[in-house]
């Protein structure tokens, strides 16, 4: 199947500045800054696209975000290119930015064959991995993520969030492979074992390792069994489906083949039922849910998490693009192409004019665009899916 990549590539060209990719070409709020997470994901799509004009912006993005790394080791949410001022988060910093920064750096080295940036920033990589280890707090191999501590900064999850653990595994495997550090590979392998034991809900063999904490024995009794769990903390196991985490789990080849087959069957069923993009988190929380009160007050400027909107059941092209890539990697090209076609349908929507809108997210029921238009990582999700359809691949050392 052939897809129309040019609108997405053109948006990335417009978003390319001497300091890197801005989050949107729309001058609204802080979207015209260089964001660690958005910039890296956009850079990965640019690298896979093979568009030479976008390489300079990818490298500029990496220089900007590594230049703004905090001396302790964590990375900025964003950097204002006009002032050079970095923001490390409002109420709390972002755990996933550490991993995204290092992933972007080492994917650049792998895909371009140039190790100059990776060599230059090796001390920063070591500081980033050190701060992630410190955030375990208990030395039991899982990073504790505070509320608002990753991309879903207005959602309800906190604690041992799977998405952040998976990014750390990918980071350690890339860094261990590139810098020839076997201790990092060993750590990644250990984390994988902890994830496979605790985040897939099934009846364990009598000789299985104990769960992460005794609480999980009773907390997992009502948890789903058809996808990887979103996360847990001392008070609860989260039962929602997390699209980004499950896409990353497939790309990282987490778990044995029967579990992956169960997850793929669940995804196939969901895509056939919805006939549109999958929500970032499902089901959407409603006023009848106990977590809704916690959700209602978690915003900086205005409440955006009404049911089926934004993080609360909203549809995000970026994570659907990662899922399409994962489906290609697992031999599901028809399902991946179906999803990529839906990505095109979503990204073309634009109430303001004929140009492709590339909105940040879409309503989970009406499919109407929501949020900021012309978002680079919405285009990046589409380009990632298209690159995988054409045989392009990011580097997963253990896959």
Protein backbone atom coordinates (compact mmCIF):
# COMPACT_ATOMS: atom_id res chain seq x y z
CA UNK A 1 0.00 0.00 0.00
CA UNK A 2 1.32 3.48 -0.90
CA UNK A 3 0.67 6.41 1.43
CA UNK A 4 0.92 10.16 0.88
CA UNK A 5 3.87 11.28 3.03
CA UNK A 6 4.46 14.73 1.59
CA UNK A 7 2.03 16.72 3.84
CA UNK A 8 3.68 15.28 6.95
CA UNK A 9 7.18 15.92 5.62
CA UNK A 10 6.23 19.47 4.65
CA UNK A 11 5.02 20.15 8.21
CA UNK A 12 8.36 18.93 9.60
CA UNK A 13 10.22 21.21 7.18
CA UNK A 14 8.16 24.17 8.37
CA UNK A 15 8.82 23.22 12.01
CA UNK A 16 12.59 22.94 11.52
CA UNK A 17 14.53 25.81 13.13
CA UNK A 18 18.25 26.34 13.78
CA UNK A 19 17.54 25.05 17.32
CA UNK A 20 15.55 21.98 16.31
CA UNK A 21 11.94 20.99 15.73
CA UNK A 22 9.27 23.08 17.46
CA UNK A 23 6.21 21.19 18.70
CA UNK A 24 3.83 23.06 16.38
CA UNK A 25 4.11 25.71 13.73
CA UNK A 26 1.04 27.33 15.32
CA UNK A 27 2.23 30.13 17.62
CA UNK A 28 0.15 29.16 20.63
CA UNK A 29 1.12 28.78 24.28
CA UNK A 30 4.57 27.18 24.48
CA UNK A 31 4.34 24.96 21.41
CA UNK A 32 7.02 26.91 19.54
CA UNK A 33 9.68 25.63 21.88
CA UNK A 34 12.03 22.68 21.49
CA UNK A 35 10.46 19.87 23.53
CA UNK A 36 12.56 16.88 24.54
CA UNK A 37 9.88 14.23 23.97
CA UNK A 38 8.17 15.78 20.94
CA UNK A 39 11.48 16.79 19.37
CA UNK A 40 13.03 13.34 19.70
CA UNK A 41 9.98 11.51 18.33
CA UNK A 42 9.83 13.96 15.44
CA UNK A 43 13.55 13.46 14.88
CA UNK A 44 13.16 9.67 14.80
CA UNK A 45 10.49 9.99 12.13
CA UNK A 46 12.70 12.42 10.21
CA UNK A 47 15.62 9.98 10.32
CA UNK A 48 13.47 7.13 9.03
CA UNK A 49 12.01 9.32 6.28
CA UNK A 50 15.39 9.60 4.58
CA UNK A 51 14.77 13.32 3.93
CA UNK A 52 18.24 14.86 4.07
CA UNK A 53 16.83 18.34 4.69
CA UNK A 54 15.47 17.19 8.07
CA UNK A 55 18.73 15.72 9.35
CA UNK A 56 20.13 19.09 10.41
CA UNK A 57 17.01 19.87 12.46
CA UNK A 58 17.21 16.45 14.13
CA UNK A 59 20.82 17.07 15.15
CA UNK A 60 19.97 20.62 16.29
CA UNK A 61 17.18 19.19 18.46
CA UNK A 62 19.63 16.83 20.14
CA UNK A 63 22.16 19.61 20.74
CA UNK A 64 19.49 21.84 22.27
CA UNK A 65 18.07 19.27 24.67
CA UNK A 66 21.45 17.85 25.72
CA UNK A 67 22.74 21.38 26.19
CA UNK A 68 19.88 22.02 28.62
CA UNK A 69 20.33 18.85 30.70
CA UNK A 70 20.24 19.64 34.41
CA UNK A 71 23.56 18.96 36.21
CA UNK A 72 21.84 16.26 38.27
CA UNK A 73 20.96 14.35 35.09
CA UNK A 74 17.32 14.98 34.24
CA UNK A 75 16.23 16.68 31.03
CA UNK A 76 14.09 19.73 30.34
CA UNK A 77 10.49 19.50 29.25
CA UNK A 78 11.25 22.21 26.72
CA UNK A 79 13.69 24.95 25.81
CA UNK A 80 12.67 28.39 24.58
CA UNK A 81 14.90 29.04 21.54
CA UNK A 82 14.36 32.80 21.82
CA UNK A 83 15.75 33.06 25.36
CA UNK A 84 17.58 29.77 25.83
CA UNK A 85 15.62 29.26 29.06
CA UNK A 86 14.75 25.66 29.92
CA UNK A 87 11.61 24.49 31.71
CA UNK A 88 11.93 21.32 33.78
CA UNK A 89 8.20 20.96 34.43
CA UNK A 90 5.58 22.83 36.42
CA UNK A 91 4.40 20.88 39.44
CA UNK A 92 6.79 18.08 38.64
CA UNK A 93 9.46 17.03 36.15
CA UNK A 94 9.09 14.44 33.44
CA UNK A 95 10.67 11.02 33.98
CA UNK A 96 10.28 9.87 30.36
CA UNK A 97 12.33 12.77 28.97
CA UNK A 98 15.55 11.19 30.25
CA UNK A 99 14.94 8.06 28.21
CA UNK A 100 13.64 9.87 25.13
CA UNK A 101 16.73 12.09 24.99
CA UNK A 102 19.14 9.14 25.12
CA UNK A 103 17.03 7.08 22.71
CA UNK A 104 17.10 9.95 20.22
CA UNK A 105 20.86 10.36 20.54
CA UNK A 106 21.67 6.67 20.02
CA UNK A 107 19.10 6.10 17.26
CA UNK A 108 20.77 9.00 15.44
CA UNK A 109 24.14 7.28 15.81
CA UNK A 110 22.75 3.96 14.57
CA UNK A 111 20.74 5.31 11.63
CA UNK A 112 23.31 7.82 10.37
CA UNK A 113 26.50 5.90 11.18
CA UNK A 114 27.93 9.05 12.78
CA UNK A 115 29.03 8.66 16.40
CA UNK A 116 30.19 12.26 16.92
CA UNK A 117 27.15 13.36 18.94
CA UNK A 118 26.94 10.09 20.87
CA UNK A 119 30.64 10.37 21.79
CA UNK A 120 30.29 14.03 22.75
CA UNK A 121 27.35 13.44 25.05
CA UNK A 122 28.46 10.16 26.69
CA UNK A 123 28.93 11.88 30.11
CA UNK A 124 25.38 13.22 29.87
CA UNK A 125 24.08 9.73 29.04
CA UNK A 126 25.80 8.35 32.14
CA UNK A 127 24.25 11.09 34.32
CA UNK A 128 20.82 10.36 32.84
CA UNK A 129 21.06 6.65 33.59
CA UNK A 130 22.28 7.42 37.11
CA UNK A 131 19.31 9.65 37.88
CA UNK A 132 16.90 6.99 36.60
CA UNK A 133 18.47 4.47 38.97
CA UNK A 134 18.14 6.94 41.84
CA UNK A 135 14.43 7.31 41.07
CA UNK A 136 13.91 3.62 41.94
CA UNK A 137 14.04 4.73 45.61
CA UNK A 138 14.15 1.12 46.80
CA UNK A 139 16.67 -0.57 44.49
CA UNK A 140 14.00 -2.97 43.16
CA UNK A 141 14.53 -2.10 39.48
CA UNK A 142 11.39 -0.03 38.75
CA UNK A 143 11.38 3.77 38.51
CA UNK A 144 8.72 5.44 40.66
CA UNK A 145 6.95 8.01 38.47
CA UNK A 146 5.21 10.88 40.27
CA UNK A 147 1.80 12.22 39.27
CA UNK A 148 2.19 14.30 36.07
CA UNK A 149 5.63 12.77 35.67
CA UNK A 150 5.50 11.80 32.00
CA UNK A 151 3.77 12.68 28.71
CA UNK A 152 0.26 12.21 30.25
CA UNK A 153 0.86 15.07 32.64
CA UNK A 154 -2.83 15.77 33.33
CA UNK A 155 -3.87 12.12 33.74
CA UNK A 156 -4.21 10.13 36.94
CA UNK A 157 -1.47 7.53 36.93
CA UNK A 158 1.51 7.56 39.25
CA UNK A 159 3.82 4.95 40.69
CA UNK A 160 5.35 2.14 38.67
CA UNK A 161 4.02 3.23 35.26
CA UNK A 162 4.83 0.64 32.56
CA UNK A 163 5.43 3.17 29.75
CA UNK A 164 8.33 4.74 31.65
CA UNK A 165 9.84 1.35 32.57
CA UNK A 166 9.80 0.23 28.93
CA UNK A 167 11.50 3.39 27.74
CA UNK A 168 14.20 2.80 30.34
CA UNK A 169 14.74 -0.78 29.12
CA UNK A 170 15.13 0.48 25.54
CA UNK A 171 17.52 3.19 26.74
CA UNK A 172 19.71 0.80 28.72
CA UNK A 173 19.86 -1.69 25.84
CA UNK A 174 20.82 1.03 23.35
CA UNK A 175 23.42 2.54 25.67
CA UNK A 176 24.84 -0.83 26.70
CA UNK A 177 25.16 -1.83 23.06
CA UNK A 178 26.61 1.45 21.80
CA UNK A 179 29.07 2.16 24.62
CA UNK A 180 29.89 -1.53 25.25
CA UNK A 181 28.74 -1.44 28.86
CA UNK A 182 27.62 -4.98 29.83
CA UNK A 183 26.36 -3.80 33.24
CA UNK A 184 23.70 -1.70 31.51
CA UNK A 185 22.61 -4.69 29.43
CA UNK A 186 22.39 -6.79 32.58
CA UNK A 187 20.25 -4.13 34.26
CA UNK A 188 17.92 -4.02 31.26
CA UNK A 189 17.55 -7.80 31.35
CA UNK A 190 16.71 -7.69 35.06
CA UNK A 191 14.06 -5.01 34.52
CA UNK A 192 12.54 -7.10 31.72
CA UNK A 193 12.12 -10.01 34.14
CA UNK A 194 10.40 -7.75 36.68
CA UNK A 195 8.07 -6.36 34.02
CA UNK A 196 7.11 -9.78 32.65
CA UNK A 197 6.36 -11.10 36.16
CA UNK A 198 4.32 -8.14 37.39
CA UNK A 199 2.59 -6.42 34.45
CA UNK A 200 0.91 -9.37 32.74
CA UNK A 201 -1.93 -10.65 34.87
CA UNK A 202 -2.05 -14.43 34.83
CA UNK A 203 -1.95 -17.32 37.24
CA UNK A 204 1.71 -17.93 37.96
CA UNK A 205 3.51 -21.24 38.18
CA UNK A 206 4.18 -22.52 41.72
CA UNK A 207 7.90 -21.79 41.36
CA UNK A 208 7.46 -18.25 39.98
CA UNK A 209 9.24 -15.32 41.54
CA UNK A 210 7.17 -13.42 44.13
CA UNK A 211 5.32 -10.36 42.89
CA UNK A 212 6.90 -6.93 43.34
CA UNK A 213 4.95 -6.33 46.54
CA UNK A 214 2.46 -8.41 48.60
CA UNK A 215 -0.27 -5.84 47.79
CA UNK A 216 -0.30 -7.02 44.18
CA UNK A 217 -1.62 -10.46 45.13
CA UNK A 218 -5.07 -9.08 45.96
CA UNK A 219 -4.90 -5.90 43.86
CA UNK A 220 -4.44 -7.87 40.60
CA UNK A 221 -7.45 -10.13 41.12
CA UNK A 222 -9.79 -7.91 39.08
CA UNK A 223 -7.16 -6.56 36.67
CA UNK A 224 -7.39 -7.20 32.87
CA UNK A 225 -5.69 -10.24 31.34
CA UNK A 226 -5.60 -9.34 27.64
CA UNK A 227 -3.01 -6.52 27.60
CA UNK A 228 -0.04 -5.26 29.63
CA UNK A 229 -1.12 -3.44 32.78
CA UNK A 230 -0.72 0.34 32.79
CA UNK A 231 0.97 0.36 36.18
CA UNK A 232 0.54 0.12 39.90
CA UNK A 233 1.39 1.91 43.12
CA UNK A 234 1.07 0.98 46.80
CA UNK A 235 -2.68 1.69 46.71
CA UNK A 236 -3.90 0.15 43.45
CA UNK A 237 -3.35 -1.59 40.14
CA UNK A 238 -4.56 0.52 37.22
CA UNK A 239 -7.01 -1.32 34.99
CA UNK A 240 -6.95 1.03 32.02
CA UNK A 241 -5.47 0.10 28.65
CA UNK A 242 -2.37 2.21 27.85
CA UNK A 243 -1.76 2.45 24.10
CA UNK A 244 1.80 3.82 24.22
CA UNK A 245 2.92 1.19 26.73
CA UNK A 246 1.42 -1.74 24.81
CA UNK A 247 2.89 -0.52 21.50
CA UNK A 248 6.33 -0.21 23.12
CA UNK A 249 5.94 -3.66 24.71
CA UNK A 250 5.44 -5.16 21.25
CA UNK A 251 8.35 -3.24 19.75
CA UNK A 252 10.59 -4.38 22.63
CA UNK A 253 9.34 -7.96 22.18
CA UNK A 254 8.31 -8.14 25.82
CA UNK A 255 6.89 -11.41 27.06
CA UNK A 256 6.48 -14.86 25.49
CA UNK A 257 4.71 -15.50 22.19
CA UNK A 258 1.33 -16.55 23.73
CA UNK A 259 1.04 -13.24 25.58
CA UNK A 260 1.96 -11.28 22.46
CA UNK A 261 -0.67 -13.23 20.50
CA UNK A 262 -3.29 -12.41 23.15
CA UNK A 263 -2.39 -8.72 22.95
CA UNK A 264 -2.48 -8.71 19.13
CA UNK A 265 -5.91 -10.35 19.19
CA UNK A 266 -7.14 -7.67 21.60
CA UNK A 267 -5.79 -4.89 19.36
CA UNK A 268 -7.37 -6.46 16.28
CA UNK A 269 -10.72 -6.65 18.05
CA UNK A 270 -10.50 -3.03 19.21
CA UNK A 271 -9.62 -1.70 15.76
CA UNK A 272 -12.49 -3.61 14.14
CA UNK A 273 -14.94 -2.35 16.72
CA UNK A 274 -13.85 1.28 16.65
CA UNK A 275 -12.95 1.67 12.95
CA UNK A 276 -10.82 4.65 13.93
CA UNK A 277 -7.74 5.43 16.01
CA UNK A 278 -7.37 3.78 19.43
CA UNK A 279 -7.55 5.94 22.58
CA UNK A 280 -4.39 6.72 24.50
CA UNK A 281 -6.07 5.35 27.63
CA UNK A 282 -9.29 3.33 27.85
CA UNK A 283 -11.93 3.23 29.06
CA UNK A 284 -12.57 6.94 29.52
CA UNK A 285 -13.13 7.94 33.13
CA UNK A 286 -16.60 9.31 33.93
CA UNK A 287 -18.04 11.13 36.96
CA UNK A 288 -19.06 7.71 38.31
CA UNK A 289 -15.42 6.60 38.54
CA UNK A 290 -13.51 7.08 41.75
CA UNK A 291 -10.49 8.44 39.86
CA UNK A 292 -12.51 11.26 38.25
CA UNK A 293 -12.17 13.55 41.27
CA UNK A 294 -8.40 13.17 41.11
CA UNK A 295 -8.49 13.88 37.37
CA UNK A 296 -10.71 16.96 37.60
CA UNK A 297 -8.24 19.14 39.49
CA UNK A 298 -5.10 18.08 37.62
CA UNK A 299 -4.60 20.83 35.06
CA UNK A 300 -2.48 23.94 34.75
CA UNK A 301 -4.62 26.38 32.73
CA UNK A 302 -7.96 24.77 31.81
CA UNK A 303 -9.62 21.38 32.34
CA UNK A 304 -9.25 19.30 29.17
CA UNK A 305 -9.92 15.76 30.38
CA UNK A 306 -13.66 15.49 29.92
CA UNK A 307 -14.65 11.89 29.05
CA UNK A 308 -13.26 10.85 25.62
CA UNK A 309 -11.04 13.94 25.34
CA UNK A 310 -7.31 14.62 25.69
CA UNK A 311 -5.68 12.02 27.98
CA UNK A 312 -9.06 10.71 29.15
CA UNK A 313 -9.94 8.58 26.14
CA UNK A 314 -8.77 11.03 23.48
CA UNK A 315 -7.23 9.67 20.28
CA UNK A 316 -3.58 10.64 19.65
CA UNK A 317 -2.04 10.14 16.21
CA UNK A 318 1.46 9.92 17.64
CA UNK A 319 0.80 6.78 19.70
CA UNK A 320 -1.30 5.18 16.96
CA UNK A 321 1.71 5.62 14.69
CA UNK A 322 3.87 3.74 17.17
CA UNK A 323 1.25 0.99 17.27
CA UNK A 324 1.23 0.71 13.48
CA UNK A 325 5.01 0.30 13.58
CA UNK A 326 4.66 -2.43 16.22
CA UNK A 327 2.04 -4.25 14.13
CA UNK A 328 4.41 -4.29 11.16
CA UNK A 329 7.18 -5.66 13.36
CA UNK A 330 4.90 -8.49 14.49
CA UNK A 331 3.82 -9.54 11.01
CA UNK A 332 0.44 -7.81 10.93
CA UNK A 333 0.78 -5.64 7.77
CA UNK A 334 -2.93 -5.60 6.94
CA UNK A 335 -3.91 -4.36 10.38
CA UNK A 336 -1.02 -1.87 10.36
CA UNK A 337 -2.07 -0.51 6.95
CA UNK A 338 -5.66 -0.20 8.16
CA UNK A 339 -4.45 1.86 11.10
CA UNK A 340 -2.16 3.98 8.91
CA UNK A 341 -5.08 4.76 6.62
CA UNK A 342 -7.05 5.91 9.66
CA UNK A 343 -4.10 8.07 10.67
CA UNK A 344 -4.29 9.80 7.29
CA UNK A 345 -8.02 10.35 7.71
CA UNK A 346 -7.46 11.90 11.14
CA UNK A 347 -4.46 14.05 10.19
CA UNK A 348 -6.25 15.47 7.13
CA UNK A 349 -9.06 16.91 9.26
CA UNK A 350 -8.82 20.68 9.49
CA UNK A 351 -11.84 22.91 10.23
CA UNK A 352 -9.66 25.98 9.54
CA UNK A 353 -8.70 25.31 5.93
CA UNK A 354 -7.67 22.91 3.19
CA UNK A 355 -4.21 22.09 4.56
CA UNK A 356 -3.78 18.92 6.61
CA UNK A 357 -4.55 19.82 10.26
CA UNK A 358 -2.27 17.39 12.15
CA UNK A 359 -4.23 18.04 15.35
CA UNK A 360 -2.83 17.00 18.68
CA UNK A 361 -5.71 14.62 19.46
CA UNK A 362 -9.30 13.70 18.55
CA UNK A 363 -12.52 13.09 20.44
CA UNK A 364 -12.93 9.42 21.28
CA UNK A 365 -16.55 9.21 20.11
CA UNK A 366 -17.13 11.98 17.53
CA UNK A 367 -13.58 11.84 16.08
CA UNK A 368 -13.57 15.67 15.93
CA UNK A 369 -10.14 17.33 16.20
CA UNK A 370 -9.16 18.71 19.60
CA UNK A 371 -6.26 20.79 20.85
CA UNK A 372 -3.45 22.42 18.91
CA UNK A 373 -3.17 21.97 15.11
CA UNK A 374 -0.05 21.43 13.02
CA UNK A 375 1.63 19.31 15.71
CA UNK A 376 4.88 17.78 14.54
CA UNK A 377 4.53 14.60 16.54
CA UNK A 378 1.12 13.92 14.98
CA UNK A 379 2.91 14.03 11.63
CA UNK A 380 5.74 11.97 13.12
CA UNK A 381 3.37 9.16 14.12
CA UNK A 382 2.14 8.96 10.55
CA UNK A 383 5.68 9.01 9.12
CA UNK A 384 6.79 6.31 11.55
CA UNK A 385 3.94 4.06 10.40
CA UNK A 386 4.75 4.74 6.76
CA UNK A 387 8.46 4.08 7.26
CA UNK A 388 7.75 0.70 8.84
CA UNK A 389 5.39 -0.15 5.98
CA UNK A 390 8.32 0.50 3.62
CA UNK A 391 10.73 -1.66 5.62
CA UNK A 392 12.34 1.06 7.73
CA UNK A 393 13.12 0.13 11.31
CA UNK A 394 14.31 1.76 14.50
CA UNK A 395 16.99 -0.13 16.40
CA UNK A 396 15.91 -2.46 19.18
CA UNK A 397 19.06 -4.38 20.21
CA UNK A 398 17.15 -7.26 21.85
CA UNK A 399 14.48 -7.73 19.19
